[in-house]
Amino acid sequence: MEIVHDILKIIQEKGGEIKKTHLMYKANLSHNQMKTYLKELMSNELLEDKFSNKKHTIGITKKGRNFSVRYAQVREFESTFGL
């Protein structure tokens, strides 16, 4: 879950979309790990492929943004109450 949150946070910090290779390096993932996470996140509609001007990027969806916010709230709750 922490890796998923990191991926979503990285994409948000880059303005909502990022190239796959940049994401792979920023998240410190191998190519195979990244493919696995991207497949899962896209199947759950948290991320989407974006194509514009011969440029392929990965974008975060509204559902992905909401998930990221909620996850951060849960983590904050856990640390506040020592869980």
C-alpha atoms as a PDB file:
ATOM      1  CA  MET A   1       0.000   0.000   0.000  1.00  0.00           C
ATOM      2  CA  GLU A   2       2.856   2.352   0.779  1.00  0.00           C
ATOM      3  CA  ILE A   3       4.319   1.861  -2.705  1.00  0.00           C
ATOM      4  CA  VAL A   4       0.925   2.495  -4.304  1.00  0.00           C
ATOM      5  CA  HIS A   5       0.585   5.704  -2.311  1.00  0.00           C
ATOM      6  CA  ASP A   6       4.120   6.749  -3.288  1.00  0.00           C
ATOM      7  CA  ILE A   7       3.332   6.205  -6.977  1.00  0.00           C
ATOM      8  CA  LEU A   8       0.159   8.268  -6.765  1.00  0.00           C
ATOM      9  CA  LYS A   9       1.908  11.008  -4.785  1.00  0.00           C
ATOM     10  CA  ILE A  10       4.790  11.211  -7.273  1.00  0.00           C
ATOM     11  CA  ILE A  11       2.365  11.607 -10.164  1.00  0.00           C
ATOM     12  CA  GLN A  12       0.416  14.297  -8.319  1.00  0.00           C
ATOM     13  CA  GLU A  13       3.616  16.193  -7.547  1.00  0.00           C
ATOM     14  CA  LYS A  14       4.422  16.195 -11.276  1.00  0.00           C
ATOM     15  CA  GLY A  15       1.153  17.912 -12.131  1.00  0.00           C
ATOM     16  CA  GLY A  16      -1.007  14.817 -12.531  1.00  0.00           C
ATOM     17  CA  GLU A  17       0.949  12.999 -15.235  1.00  0.00           C
ATOM     18  CA  ILE A  18       4.421  11.568 -15.757  1.00  0.00           C
ATOM     19  CA  LYS A  19       6.410   9.497 -18.237  1.00  0.00           C
ATOM     20  CA  LYS A  20       6.753   5.842 -17.284  1.00  0.00           C
ATOM     21  CA  THR A  21      10.548   5.936 -17.084  1.00  0.00           C
ATOM     22  CA  HIS A  22      10.510   8.995 -14.827  1.00  0.00           C
ATOM     23  CA  LEU A  23       8.013   7.290 -12.546  1.00  0.00           C
ATOM     24  CA  MET A  24      10.118   4.148 -12.434  1.00  0.00           C
ATOM     25  CA  TYR A  25      13.200   6.096 -11.292  1.00  0.00           C
ATOM     26  CA  LYS A  26      11.375   8.403  -8.864  1.00  0.00           C
ATOM     27  CA  ALA A  27       9.579   5.455  -7.212  1.00  0.00           C
ATOM     28  CA  ASN A  28      12.783   3.383  -7.209  1.00  0.00           C
ATOM     29  CA  LEU A  29      11.118   0.412  -8.911  1.00  0.00           C
ATOM     30  CA  SER A  30      12.412  -2.155 -11.364  1.00  0.00           C
ATOM     31  CA  HIS A  31      10.742  -2.299 -14.757  1.00  0.00           C
ATOM     32  CA  ASN A  32       8.857  -5.483 -13.857  1.00  0.00           C
ATOM     33  CA  GLN A  33       7.692  -4.071 -10.523  1.00  0.00           C
ATOM     34  CA  MET A  34       6.471  -0.916 -12.206  1.00  0.00           C
ATOM     35  CA  LYS A  35       4.560  -2.867 -14.857  1.00  0.00           C
ATOM     36  CA  THR A  36       2.840  -4.898 -12.136  1.00  0.00           C
ATOM     37  CA  TYR A  37       1.831  -1.831 -10.107  1.00  0.00           C
ATOM     38  CA  LEU A  38       0.688   0.124 -13.171  1.00  0.00           C
ATOM     39  CA  LYS A  39      -1.438  -2.785 -14.370  1.00  0.00           C
ATOM     40  CA  GLU A  40      -3.115  -3.045 -10.959  1.00  0.00           C
ATOM     41  CA  LEU A  41      -3.622   0.713 -10.590  1.00  0.00           C
ATOM     42  CA  MET A  42      -5.078   1.017 -14.088  1.00  0.00           C
ATOM     43  CA  SER A  43      -7.407  -1.939 -13.618  1.00  0.00           C
ATOM     44  CA  ASN A  44      -8.731  -0.209 -10.486  1.00  0.00           C
ATOM     45  CA  GLU A  45      -9.076   3.081 -12.406  1.00  0.00           C
ATOM     46  CA  LEU A  46      -6.629   4.962 -10.184  1.00  0.00           C
ATOM     47  CA  LEU A  47      -4.349   5.710 -13.160  1.00  0.00           C
ATOM     48  CA  GLU A  48      -4.883   6.068 -16.901  1.00  0.00           C
ATOM     49  CA  ASP A  49      -2.817   6.183 -20.090  1.00  0.00           C
ATOM     50  CA  LYS A  50      -2.575   9.605 -21.696  1.00  0.00           C
ATOM     51  CA  PHE A  51      -1.520  10.307 -25.260  1.00  0.00           C
ATOM     52  CA  SER A  52      -0.848  13.763 -26.675  1.00  0.00           C
ATOM     53  CA  ASN A  53       1.497  15.043 -29.388  1.00  0.00           C
ATOM     54  CA  LYS A  54       3.284  11.678 -29.731  1.00  0.00           C
ATOM     55  CA  LYS A  55       3.865  11.732 -25.972  1.00  0.00           C
ATOM     56  CA  HIS A  56       2.717   8.805 -23.807  1.00  0.00           C
ATOM     57  CA  THR A  57       2.317   9.501 -20.114  1.00  0.00           C
ATOM     58  CA  ILE A  58       0.564   8.033 -17.107  1.00  0.00           C
ATOM     59  CA  GLY A  59      -2.070  10.224 -15.479  1.00  0.00           C
ATOM     60  CA  ILE A  60      -3.805  10.062 -12.148  1.00  0.00           C
ATOM     61  CA  THR A  61      -7.593   9.912 -12.161  1.00  0.00           C
ATOM     62  CA  LYS A  62      -9.994  11.620  -9.786  1.00  0.00           C
ATOM     63  CA  LYS A  63     -10.482   8.258  -8.098  1.00  0.00           C
ATOM     64  CA  GLY A  64      -6.692   7.994  -7.715  1.00  0.00           C
ATOM     65  CA  ARG A  65      -6.469  11.447  -6.135  1.00  0.00           C
ATOM     66  CA  ASN A  66      -9.267  10.577  -3.706  1.00  0.00           C
ATOM     67  CA  PHE A  67      -7.564   7.307  -2.789  1.00  0.00           C
ATOM     68  CA  SER A  68      -4.278   9.111  -2.135  1.00  0.00           C
ATOM     69  CA  VAL A  69      -5.936  11.682   0.127  1.00  0.00           C
ATOM     70  CA  ARG A  70      -7.838   9.028   2.083  1.00  0.00           C
ATOM     71  CA  TYR A  71      -4.746   6.861   2.474  1.00  0.00           C
ATOM     72  CA  ALA A  72      -2.769   9.838   3.835  1.00  0.00           C
ATOM     73  CA  GLN A  73      -5.581  10.484   6.330  1.00  0.00           C
ATOM     74  CA  VAL A  74      -5.521   6.870   7.517  1.00  0.00           C
ATOM     75  CA  ARG A  75      -1.723   6.987   7.944  1.00  0.00           C
ATOM     76  CA  GLU A  76      -2.031  10.216   9.935  1.00  0.00           C
ATOM     77  CA  PHE A  77      -4.731   8.643  12.123  1.00  0.00           C
ATOM     78  CA  GLU A  78      -2.507   5.605  12.734  1.00  0.00           C
ATOM     79  CA  SER A  79       0.466   7.709  13.783  1.00  0.00           C
ATOM     80  CA  THR A  80      -1.660   9.992  15.969  1.00  0.00           C
ATOM     81  CA  PHE A  81      -3.025   7.061  17.965  1.00  0.00           C
ATOM     82  CA  GLY A  82       0.107   4.912  17.822  1.00  0.00           C
ATOM     83  CA  LEU A  83      -1.451   2.114  15.817  1.00  0.00           C
END
